[in-house]
């Protein structure tokens, strides 16, 4: 009976040692691996894990942005995208991606042909063609 109890304790100890909690970088790397596989739901889940478990971590800002980005551009969950983009802007107003988050918020759900940067390029190309034909 004593040997059996020791065996059970050893198994529990091994299981406990093997159940190491993943770190922030581990989650970030996993999220990016799933992004590369275009598994948006799984990538989103790992980015959200970073936001929840490491609120002041070194990858939290990018994770916040990426949850918004994935929801806006791949999952079409605009409410969640707006929520995460706004959290990102509120928390990191001077981050290099802050302007991108603002742009995403302003243009979310629009048809690609209606995006401002495409309209400007289309107008310039059209004007160039007009100029060519009038010369």
N, C-alpha and C. Protein backbone atom coordinates (compact mmCIF):
# COMPACT_ATOMS: atom_id res chain seq x y z
N UNK A 1 0.82 -1.19 0.00
CA UNK A 1 0.00 0.00 0.00
C UNK A 1 0.86 1.25 0.00
N UNK A 2 1.97 1.19 0.79
CA UNK A 2 2.87 2.33 0.87
C UNK A 2 3.52 2.60 -0.48
N UNK A 3 3.91 1.54 -1.19
CA UNK A 3 4.55 1.69 -2.49
C UNK A 3 3.60 2.30 -3.51
N UNK A 4 2.36 1.90 -3.39
CA UNK A 4 1.34 2.43 -4.30
C UNK A 4 1.15 3.92 -4.08
N UNK A 5 1.11 4.35 -2.84
CA UNK A 5 0.94 5.77 -2.52
C UNK A 5 2.14 6.57 -3.02
N UNK A 6 3.34 6.02 -2.87
CA UNK A 6 4.54 6.70 -3.35
C UNK A 6 4.51 6.80 -4.87
N UNK A 7 4.05 5.76 -5.53
CA UNK A 7 3.93 5.77 -7.00
C UNK A 7 2.96 6.84 -7.47
N UNK A 8 1.84 6.96 -6.79
CA UNK A 8 0.84 7.97 -7.13
C UNK A 8 1.43 9.37 -6.93
N UNK A 9 2.14 9.56 -5.83
CA UNK A 9 2.77 10.86 -5.57
C UNK A 9 3.82 11.20 -6.62
N UNK A 10 4.57 10.19 -7.04
CA UNK A 10 5.57 10.43 -8.09
C UNK A 10 4.90 10.84 -9.40
N UNK A 11 3.83 10.17 -9.75
CA UNK A 11 3.10 10.50 -10.98
C UNK A 11 2.55 11.92 -10.89
N UNK A 12 1.97 12.28 -9.76
CA UNK A 12 1.44 13.63 -9.57
C UNK A 12 2.58 14.65 -9.69
N UNK A 13 3.72 14.34 -9.09
CA UNK A 13 4.87 15.24 -9.18
C UNK A 13 5.34 15.44 -10.60
N UNK A 14 5.40 14.36 -11.36
CA UNK A 14 5.83 14.44 -12.76
C UNK A 14 4.83 15.26 -13.57
N UNK A 15 3.54 15.00 -13.37
CA UNK A 15 2.51 15.76 -14.08
C UNK A 15 2.58 17.24 -13.74
N UNK A 16 2.80 17.55 -12.48
CA UNK A 16 2.90 18.93 -12.05
C UNK A 16 4.10 19.62 -12.70
N UNK A 17 5.23 18.92 -12.74
CA UNK A 17 6.44 19.48 -13.33
C UNK A 17 6.28 19.69 -14.83
N UNK A 18 5.52 18.84 -15.49
CA UNK A 18 5.31 18.93 -16.94
C UNK A 18 4.26 19.97 -17.32
N UNK A 19 3.47 20.43 -16.39
CA UNK A 19 2.42 21.37 -16.70
C UNK A 19 2.90 22.82 -16.53
N UNK A 20 4.09 23.08 -16.99
CA UNK A 20 4.69 24.41 -16.91
C UNK A 20 3.82 25.42 -17.65
N UNK A 21 3.58 26.53 -17.01
CA UNK A 21 2.78 27.59 -17.62
C UNK A 21 3.60 28.27 -18.71
N UNK A 22 2.95 28.54 -19.82
CA UNK A 22 3.63 29.23 -20.92
C UNK A 22 3.85 30.69 -20.57
N UNK A 23 4.93 31.24 -21.06
CA UNK A 23 5.23 32.64 -20.84
C UNK A 23 4.67 33.51 -21.95
N UNK A 24 4.79 34.80 -21.77
CA UNK A 24 4.26 35.76 -22.73
C UNK A 24 4.86 35.56 -24.13
N UNK A 25 6.16 35.37 -24.20
CA UNK A 25 6.81 35.17 -25.50
C UNK A 25 6.33 33.88 -26.15
N UNK A 26 6.10 32.85 -25.35
CA UNK A 26 5.57 31.59 -25.89
C UNK A 26 4.22 31.81 -26.57
N UNK A 27 3.34 32.55 -25.89
CA UNK A 27 2.03 32.84 -26.46
C UNK A 27 2.16 33.68 -27.73
N UNK A 28 3.05 34.65 -27.69
CA UNK A 28 3.27 35.52 -28.85
C UNK A 28 3.76 34.72 -30.04
N UNK A 29 4.71 33.83 -29.80
CA UNK A 29 5.23 32.99 -30.87
C UNK A 29 4.15 32.06 -31.43
N UNK A 30 3.35 31.48 -30.53
CA UNK A 30 2.24 30.61 -30.99
C UNK A 30 1.23 31.40 -31.81
N UNK A 31 0.90 32.59 -31.36
CA UNK A 31 -0.06 33.43 -32.09
C UNK A 31 0.46 33.69 -33.50
N UNK A 32 1.73 34.03 -33.62
CA UNK A 32 2.30 34.30 -34.94
C UNK A 32 2.39 33.05 -35.81
N UNK A 33 2.61 31.90 -35.19
CA UNK A 33 2.59 30.66 -35.96
C UNK A 33 1.20 30.41 -36.55
N UNK A 34 0.16 30.66 -35.74
CA UNK A 34 -1.20 30.46 -36.25
C UNK A 34 -1.56 31.53 -37.28
N UNK A 35 -1.00 32.73 -37.14
CA UNK A 35 -1.22 33.75 -38.17
C UNK A 35 -0.65 33.25 -39.50
N UNK A 36 0.54 32.68 -39.45
CA UNK A 36 1.19 32.18 -40.67
C UNK A 36 0.37 31.06 -41.31
N UNK A 37 -0.34 30.30 -40.49
CA UNK A 37 -1.18 29.20 -41.00
C UNK A 37 -2.57 29.70 -41.39
N UNK A 38 -2.82 31.00 -41.18
CA UNK A 38 -4.12 31.62 -41.42
C UNK A 38 -5.23 31.00 -40.57
N UNK A 39 -4.86 30.56 -39.39
CA UNK A 39 -5.82 30.05 -38.41
C UNK A 39 -6.13 31.23 -37.48
N UNK A 40 -7.05 32.08 -37.94
CA UNK A 40 -7.32 33.36 -37.28
C UNK A 40 -7.87 33.19 -35.88
N UNK A 41 -8.75 32.24 -35.69
CA UNK A 41 -9.36 32.03 -34.36
C UNK A 41 -8.31 31.65 -33.32
N UNK A 42 -7.41 30.75 -33.70
CA UNK A 42 -6.39 30.30 -32.76
C UNK A 42 -5.39 31.42 -32.50
N UNK A 43 -5.01 32.15 -33.54
CA UNK A 43 -4.09 33.29 -33.36
C UNK A 43 -4.72 34.31 -32.43
N UNK A 44 -5.98 34.62 -32.65
CA UNK A 44 -6.70 35.57 -31.80
C UNK A 44 -6.70 35.09 -30.35
N UNK A 45 -6.93 33.80 -30.14
CA UNK A 45 -6.98 33.25 -28.78
C UNK A 45 -5.65 33.45 -28.05
N UNK A 46 -4.54 33.25 -28.74
CA UNK A 46 -3.23 33.42 -28.09
C UNK A 46 -2.92 34.90 -27.85
N UNK A 47 -3.30 35.76 -28.78
CA UNK A 47 -3.10 37.19 -28.55
C UNK A 47 -3.94 37.66 -27.35
N UNK A 48 -5.17 37.16 -27.25
CA UNK A 48 -6.02 37.51 -26.11
C UNK A 48 -5.43 37.00 -24.80
N UNK A 49 -4.83 35.84 -24.84
CA UNK A 49 -4.19 35.27 -23.65
C UNK A 49 -3.11 36.22 -23.13
N UNK A 50 -2.35 36.80 -24.03
CA UNK A 50 -1.32 37.76 -23.65
C UNK A 50 -1.95 38.95 -22.94
N UNK A 51 -3.01 39.49 -23.54
CA UNK A 51 -3.68 40.66 -22.97
C UNK A 51 -4.21 40.35 -21.58
N UNK A 52 -4.78 39.17 -21.39
CA UNK A 52 -5.37 38.79 -20.11
C UNK A 52 -4.32 38.45 -19.05
N UNK A 53 -3.33 37.66 -19.43
CA UNK A 53 -2.38 37.16 -18.44
C UNK A 53 -1.16 38.06 -18.22
N UNK A 54 -0.89 38.93 -19.18
CA UNK A 54 0.29 39.81 -19.08
C UNK A 54 -0.11 41.24 -19.42
N UNK A 55 -1.00 41.85 -18.63
CA UNK A 55 -1.53 43.17 -18.97
C UNK A 55 -0.47 44.27 -19.09
N UNK A 56 0.69 44.07 -18.50
CA UNK A 56 1.77 45.05 -18.61
C UNK A 56 3.00 44.46 -19.28
N UNK A 57 2.79 43.43 -20.09
CA UNK A 57 3.90 42.75 -20.73
C UNK A 57 4.47 43.50 -21.92
N UNK A 58 5.56 42.99 -22.42
CA UNK A 58 6.23 43.65 -23.54
C UNK A 58 5.53 43.40 -24.87
N UNK A 59 4.63 42.41 -24.94
CA UNK A 59 3.90 42.13 -26.17
C UNK A 59 2.43 42.54 -26.10
N UNK A 60 2.02 43.09 -24.98
CA UNK A 60 0.61 43.41 -24.76
C UNK A 60 0.08 44.42 -25.77
N UNK A 61 0.85 45.45 -26.07
CA UNK A 61 0.39 46.46 -27.02
C UNK A 61 0.13 45.83 -28.39
N UNK A 62 1.07 45.05 -28.87
CA UNK A 62 0.89 44.41 -30.18
C UNK A 62 -0.25 43.40 -30.14
N UNK A 63 -0.39 42.70 -29.03
CA UNK A 63 -1.47 41.72 -28.91
C UNK A 63 -2.83 42.41 -28.95
N UNK A 64 -2.97 43.54 -28.26
CA UNK A 64 -4.21 44.31 -28.30
C UNK A 64 -4.54 44.71 -29.73
N UNK A 65 -3.55 45.25 -30.41
CA UNK A 65 -3.74 45.67 -31.80
C UNK A 65 -4.14 44.48 -32.67
N UNK A 66 -3.45 43.35 -32.50
CA UNK A 66 -3.70 42.20 -33.36
C UNK A 66 -5.08 41.58 -33.14
N UNK A 67 -5.59 41.62 -31.92
CA UNK A 67 -6.95 41.12 -31.71
C UNK A 67 -7.92 41.99 -32.51
N UNK A 68 -7.72 43.30 -32.47
CA UNK A 68 -8.55 44.19 -33.28
C UNK A 68 -8.39 43.90 -34.76
N UNK A 69 -7.15 43.77 -35.21
CA UNK A 69 -6.86 43.54 -36.62
C UNK A 69 -7.48 42.24 -37.14
N UNK A 70 -7.30 41.17 -36.40
CA UNK A 70 -7.85 39.87 -36.81
C UNK A 70 -9.37 39.94 -36.90
N UNK A 71 -9.99 40.56 -35.91
CA UNK A 71 -11.46 40.65 -35.92
C UNK A 71 -11.97 41.54 -37.03
N UNK A 72 -11.27 42.62 -37.33
CA UNK A 72 -11.71 43.53 -38.37
C UNK A 72 -11.49 42.97 -39.77
N UNK A 73 -10.38 42.29 -39.97
CA UNK A 73 -9.98 41.92 -41.32
C UNK A 73 -10.20 40.46 -41.71
N UNK A 74 -10.37 39.60 -40.72
CA UNK A 74 -10.52 38.18 -41.03
C UNK A 74 -11.78 37.55 -40.46
N UNK A 75 -12.19 37.98 -39.29
CA UNK A 75 -13.36 37.36 -38.65
C UNK A 75 -14.63 38.19 -38.82
N UNK A 76 -14.48 39.40 -39.34
CA UNK A 76 -15.61 40.32 -39.55
C UNK A 76 -16.43 40.54 -38.29
N UNK A 77 -15.77 40.54 -37.16
CA UNK A 77 -16.42 40.84 -35.88
C UNK A 77 -16.05 42.29 -35.54
N UNK A 78 -16.78 43.21 -36.15
CA UNK A 78 -16.44 44.63 -36.06
C UNK A 78 -16.62 45.20 -34.65
N UNK A 79 -17.59 44.70 -33.90
CA UNK A 79 -17.77 45.20 -32.54
C UNK A 79 -16.54 44.88 -31.68
N UNK A 80 -16.07 43.66 -31.78
CA UNK A 80 -14.89 43.27 -31.00
C UNK A 80 -13.66 44.02 -31.51
N UNK A 81 -13.55 44.18 -32.80
CA UNK A 81 -12.42 44.91 -33.37
C UNK A 81 -12.40 46.34 -32.85
N UNK A 82 -13.56 47.01 -32.87
CA UNK A 82 -13.63 48.39 -32.35
C UNK A 82 -13.23 48.45 -30.88
N UNK A 83 -13.71 47.48 -30.11
CA UNK A 83 -13.38 47.45 -28.68
C UNK A 83 -11.86 47.36 -28.46
N UNK A 84 -11.21 46.46 -29.17
CA UNK A 84 -9.77 46.26 -28.96
C UNK A 84 -8.95 47.40 -29.55
N UNK A 85 -9.35 47.91 -30.70
CA UNK A 85 -8.64 49.06 -31.26
C UNK A 85 -8.74 50.26 -30.31
N UNK A 86 -9.93 50.47 -29.76
CA UNK A 86 -10.11 51.61 -28.85
C UNK A 86 -9.29 51.43 -27.57
N UNK A 87 -9.28 50.21 -27.04
CA UNK A 87 -8.43 49.93 -25.87
C UNK A 87 -6.98 50.22 -26.20
N UNK A 88 -6.56 49.81 -27.38
CA UNK A 88 -5.18 50.03 -27.80
C UNK A 88 -4.87 51.52 -27.86
N UNK A 89 -5.73 52.29 -28.51
CA UNK A 89 -5.51 53.74 -28.65
C UNK A 89 -5.52 54.42 -27.30
N UNK A 90 -6.46 54.04 -26.45
CA UNK A 90 -6.54 54.65 -25.12
C UNK A 90 -5.28 54.38 -24.30
N UNK A 91 -4.80 53.18 -24.40
CA UNK A 91 -3.67 52.78 -23.56
C UNK A 91 -2.31 53.14 -24.16
N UNK A 92 -2.24 53.15 -25.49
CA UNK A 92 -0.96 53.40 -26.17
C UNK A 92 -1.11 54.49 -27.25
N UNK A 93 -1.50 55.70 -26.87
CA UNK A 93 -1.76 56.74 -27.88
C UNK A 93 -0.55 57.14 -28.72
N UNK A 94 0.65 56.92 -28.22
CA UNK A 94 1.86 57.30 -28.95
C UNK A 94 2.59 56.12 -29.58
N UNK A 95 1.97 54.97 -29.57
CA UNK A 95 2.58 53.77 -30.14
C UNK A 95 2.67 53.93 -31.66
N UNK A 96 3.65 53.27 -32.26
CA UNK A 96 3.82 53.36 -33.71
C UNK A 96 2.62 52.83 -34.49
N UNK A 97 1.79 52.00 -33.87
CA UNK A 97 0.59 51.47 -34.54
C UNK A 97 -0.68 52.26 -34.22
N UNK A 98 -0.58 53.32 -33.43
CA UNK A 98 -1.78 54.08 -33.04
C UNK A 98 -2.49 54.68 -34.26
N UNK A 99 -1.74 55.24 -35.20
CA UNK A 99 -2.37 55.79 -36.41
C UNK A 99 -3.05 54.70 -37.23
N UNK A 100 -2.43 53.52 -37.25
CA UNK A 100 -3.03 52.39 -37.98
C UNK A 100 -4.34 51.97 -37.33
N UNK A 101 -4.38 51.95 -36.01
CA UNK A 101 -5.60 51.58 -35.30
C UNK A 101 -6.70 52.61 -35.57
N UNK A 102 -6.34 53.89 -35.58
CA UNK A 102 -7.32 54.95 -35.88
C UNK A 102 -7.84 54.80 -37.31
N UNK A 103 -6.95 54.53 -38.24
CA UNK A 103 -7.34 54.35 -39.63
C UNK A 103 -8.30 53.15 -39.75
N UNK A 104 -7.96 52.07 -39.09
CA UNK A 104 -8.82 50.88 -39.11
C UNK A 104 -10.21 51.21 -38.57
N UNK A 105 -10.26 51.95 -37.48
CA UNK A 105 -11.55 52.33 -36.89
C UNK A 105 -12.38 53.17 -37.86
N UNK A 106 -11.73 54.09 -38.55
CA UNK A 106 -12.44 54.98 -39.48
C UNK A 106 -12.93 54.26 -40.72
N UNK A 107 -12.24 53.20 -41.12
CA UNK A 107 -12.54 52.55 -42.40
C UNK A 107 -13.04 51.12 -42.28
N UNK A 108 -13.30 50.69 -41.07
CA UNK A 108 -13.72 49.31 -40.84
C UNK A 108 -15.01 48.97 -41.58
N UNK A 109 -14.99 47.86 -42.27
CA UNK A 109 -16.18 47.36 -42.93
C UNK A 109 -16.45 47.99 -44.29
N UNK A 110 -15.64 48.96 -44.70
CA UNK A 110 -15.84 49.60 -46.00
C UNK A 110 -15.35 48.69 -47.12
N UNK A 111 -15.95 48.86 -48.27
CA UNK A 111 -15.51 48.17 -49.46
C UNK A 111 -14.11 48.66 -49.81
N UNK A 112 -13.26 47.79 -50.26
CA UNK A 112 -11.88 48.17 -50.55
C UNK A 112 -11.80 49.31 -51.56
N UNK A 113 -12.74 49.38 -52.48
CA UNK A 113 -12.74 50.45 -53.48
C UNK A 113 -13.09 51.80 -52.88
N UNK A 114 -13.65 51.80 -51.68
CA UNK A 114 -14.03 53.05 -51.02
C UNK A 114 -12.97 53.59 -50.07
N UNK A 115 -11.84 52.90 -49.96
CA UNK A 115 -10.80 53.34 -49.03
C UNK A 115 -10.11 54.59 -49.58
N UNK A 116 -9.86 55.56 -48.71
CA UNK A 116 -9.31 56.84 -49.14
C UNK A 116 -8.01 56.75 -49.94
N UNK A 117 -7.07 55.90 -49.51
CA UNK A 117 -5.79 55.86 -50.22
C UNK A 117 -5.95 55.32 -51.63
N UNK A 118 -6.93 54.44 -51.85
CA UNK A 118 -7.17 53.92 -53.20
C UNK A 118 -7.85 54.97 -54.07
N UNK A 119 -8.73 55.76 -53.49
CA UNK A 119 -9.39 56.82 -54.25
C UNK A 119 -8.36 57.82 -54.75
N UNK A 120 -7.43 58.21 -53.90
CA UNK A 120 -6.40 59.17 -54.29
C UNK A 120 -5.56 58.62 -55.43
N UNK A 121 -5.14 57.36 -55.33
CA UNK A 121 -4.33 56.75 -56.38
C UNK A 121 -5.13 56.63 -57.68
N UNK A 122 -6.40 56.24 -57.57
CA UNK A 122 -7.25 56.09 -58.75
C UNK A 122 -7.43 57.43 -59.44
N UNK A 123 -7.65 58.49 -58.66
CA UNK A 123 -7.80 59.83 -59.23
C UNK A 123 -6.51 60.27 -59.94
N UNK A 124 -5.37 59.99 -59.31
CA UNK A 124 -4.09 60.37 -59.91
C UNK A 124 -3.85 59.60 -61.20
N UNK A 125 -4.16 58.30 -61.20
CA UNK A 125 -3.98 57.50 -62.41
C UNK A 125 -4.91 57.98 -63.51
N UNK A 126 -6.15 58.27 -63.14
CA UNK A 126 -7.12 58.77 -64.11
C UNK A 126 -6.69 60.09 -64.70
N UNK A 127 -6.18 60.99 -63.87
CA UNK A 127 -5.71 62.29 -64.35
C UNK A 127 -4.50 62.12 -65.27
N UNK A 128 -3.62 61.18 -64.94
CA UNK A 128 -2.46 60.93 -65.79
C UNK A 128 -2.89 60.44 -67.17
N UNK A 129 -3.91 59.59 -67.23
CA UNK A 129 -4.41 59.09 -68.51
C UNK A 129 -5.05 60.21 -69.31
N UNK A 130 -5.78 61.09 -68.64
CA UNK A 130 -6.39 62.24 -69.31
C UNK A 130 -5.29 63.13 -69.88
N UNK A 131 -4.25 63.37 -69.09
CA UNK A 131 -3.14 64.21 -69.54
C UNK A 131 -2.46 63.61 -70.76
N UNK A 132 -2.30 62.28 -70.76
CA UNK A 132 -1.66 61.60 -71.88
C UNK A 132 -2.46 61.75 -73.17
N UNK A 133 -3.77 61.63 -73.07
CA UNK A 133 -4.62 61.67 -74.26
C UNK A 133 -4.80 63.10 -74.78
N UNK A 134 -4.61 64.09 -73.96
CA UNK A 134 -4.79 65.48 -74.40
C UNK A 134 -3.52 66.09 -74.95
N UNK A 135 -2.42 65.39 -74.85
CA UNK A 135 -1.14 65.94 -75.35
C UNK A 135 -0.90 65.56 -76.77
